[in-house]
């Protein structure tokens, strides 16, 4: 784990850190980013694992990670609700 963290820090540089900071600078932006990422990759667990890796590598702070993880769980809930509402009845019109 230590070797992976060191490698991740060396490869990412400051550019990835800046991108992650801009996507999670505000709590609401962080929640929205987590929701969008989860909607794209369809897995809140994968989003959470990535965010924990970023925190472990020192690319994100814990408060930033919490907002993204909350957004990931909201994204999973929204996806489940879309399936539960049976949107196929409204898809054609």
Protein backbone atom coordinates (compact mmCIF):
# COMPACT_ATOMS: atom_id res chain seq x y z
CA UNK A 1 0.00 0.00 0.00
CA UNK A 2 2.85 2.36 0.81
CA UNK A 3 4.53 1.66 -2.54
CA UNK A 4 1.27 2.26 -4.40
CA UNK A 5 0.71 5.55 -2.55
CA UNK A 6 4.23 6.78 -3.34
CA UNK A 7 3.86 5.82 -7.00
CA UNK A 8 0.49 7.54 -7.22
CA UNK A 9 1.92 10.75 -5.76
CA UNK A 10 4.86 10.68 -8.17
CA UNK A 11 2.74 10.05 -11.25
CA UNK A 12 -0.10 12.45 -10.49
CA UNK A 13 1.83 15.61 -9.84
CA UNK A 14 0.18 18.92 -9.12
CA UNK A 15 -2.21 18.89 -12.07
CA UNK A 16 -4.41 16.09 -10.71
CA UNK A 17 -4.35 17.69 -7.27
CA UNK A 18 -5.61 20.94 -8.80
CA UNK A 19 -8.37 19.17 -10.69
CA UNK A 20 -9.49 17.32 -7.57
CA UNK A 21 -9.40 20.54 -5.56
CA UNK A 22 -11.59 22.35 -8.08
CA UNK A 23 -14.09 19.47 -8.15
CA UNK A 24 -14.40 19.41 -4.37
CA UNK A 25 -13.60 22.95 -3.24
CA UNK A 26 -17.17 23.59 -2.12
CA UNK A 27 -19.36 21.07 -0.29
CA UNK A 28 -22.14 21.36 -2.83
CA UNK A 29 -19.79 21.06 -5.79
CA UNK A 30 -18.27 17.98 -4.14
CA UNK A 31 -21.66 16.36 -3.68
CA UNK A 32 -22.56 17.14 -7.29
CA UNK A 33 -19.23 15.75 -8.52
CA UNK A 34 -19.72 12.55 -6.55
CA UNK A 35 -23.22 12.16 -7.95
CA UNK A 36 -22.06 12.67 -11.54
CA UNK A 37 -19.09 10.31 -11.24
CA UNK A 38 -21.29 7.63 -9.72
CA UNK A 39 -23.87 8.09 -12.48
CA UNK A 40 -21.15 7.68 -15.10
CA UNK A 41 -19.41 4.61 -13.65
CA UNK A 42 -22.56 3.14 -12.03
CA UNK A 43 -20.80 2.19 -8.80
CA UNK A 44 -20.65 4.15 -5.57
CA UNK A 45 -18.21 1.58 -4.21
CA UNK A 46 -15.73 2.28 -7.01
CA UNK A 47 -16.11 6.02 -6.45
CA UNK A 48 -15.50 5.59 -2.74
CA UNK A 49 -12.42 3.42 -3.31
CA UNK A 50 -10.96 6.00 -5.70
CA UNK A 51 -11.59 8.85 -3.27
CA UNK A 52 -10.05 6.94 -0.37
CA UNK A 53 -7.00 6.29 -2.56
CA UNK A 54 -6.77 10.02 -3.33
CA UNK A 55 -6.92 10.88 0.38
CA UNK A 56 -4.33 8.24 1.19
CA UNK A 57 -2.03 9.63 -1.49
CA UNK A 58 -2.41 13.14 -0.07
CA UNK A 59 -4.21 14.51 -3.13
CA UNK A 60 -7.40 15.37 -1.22
CA UNK A 61 -8.35 16.37 2.28
CA UNK A 62 -10.84 14.38 4.33
CA UNK A 63 -13.65 17.02 4.24
CA UNK A 64 -13.42 17.09 0.44
CA UNK A 65 -13.63 13.31 0.32
CA UNK A 66 -16.66 13.20 2.58
CA UNK A 67 -18.66 15.45 0.27
CA UNK A 68 -17.79 13.34 -2.77
CA UNK A 69 -18.66 10.11 -0.95
CA UNK A 70 -22.03 11.55 0.11
CA UNK A 71 -22.64 12.51 -3.52
CA UNK A 72 -21.76 8.98 -4.59
CA UNK A 73 -24.41 7.56 -2.29
CA UNK A 74 -26.95 10.08 -3.55
CA UNK A 75 -26.11 9.05 -7.13
CA UNK A 76 -26.76 5.41 -6.28
CA UNK A 77 -30.11 6.34 -4.75
CA UNK A 78 -31.11 8.36 -7.81
CA UNK A 79 -30.16 5.48 -10.12
CA UNK A 80 -32.29 3.06 -8.07
CA UNK A 81 -35.23 5.46 -8.14
CA UNK A 82 -35.03 5.83 -11.92
CA UNK A 83 -35.26 2.06 -12.24
CA UNK A 84 -38.12 1.89 -9.70
CA UNK A 85 -40.20 4.53 -11.54
CA UNK A 86 -40.25 2.45 -14.74
CA UNK A 87 -39.25 5.28 -17.04
CA UNK A 88 -39.65 3.05 -20.10
CA UNK A 89 -43.35 4.01 -20.12
CA UNK A 90 -42.36 7.64 -20.65
CA UNK A 91 -39.30 7.14 -22.82
CA UNK A 92 -41.07 7.19 -26.20
CA UNK A 93 -42.94 10.51 -25.90
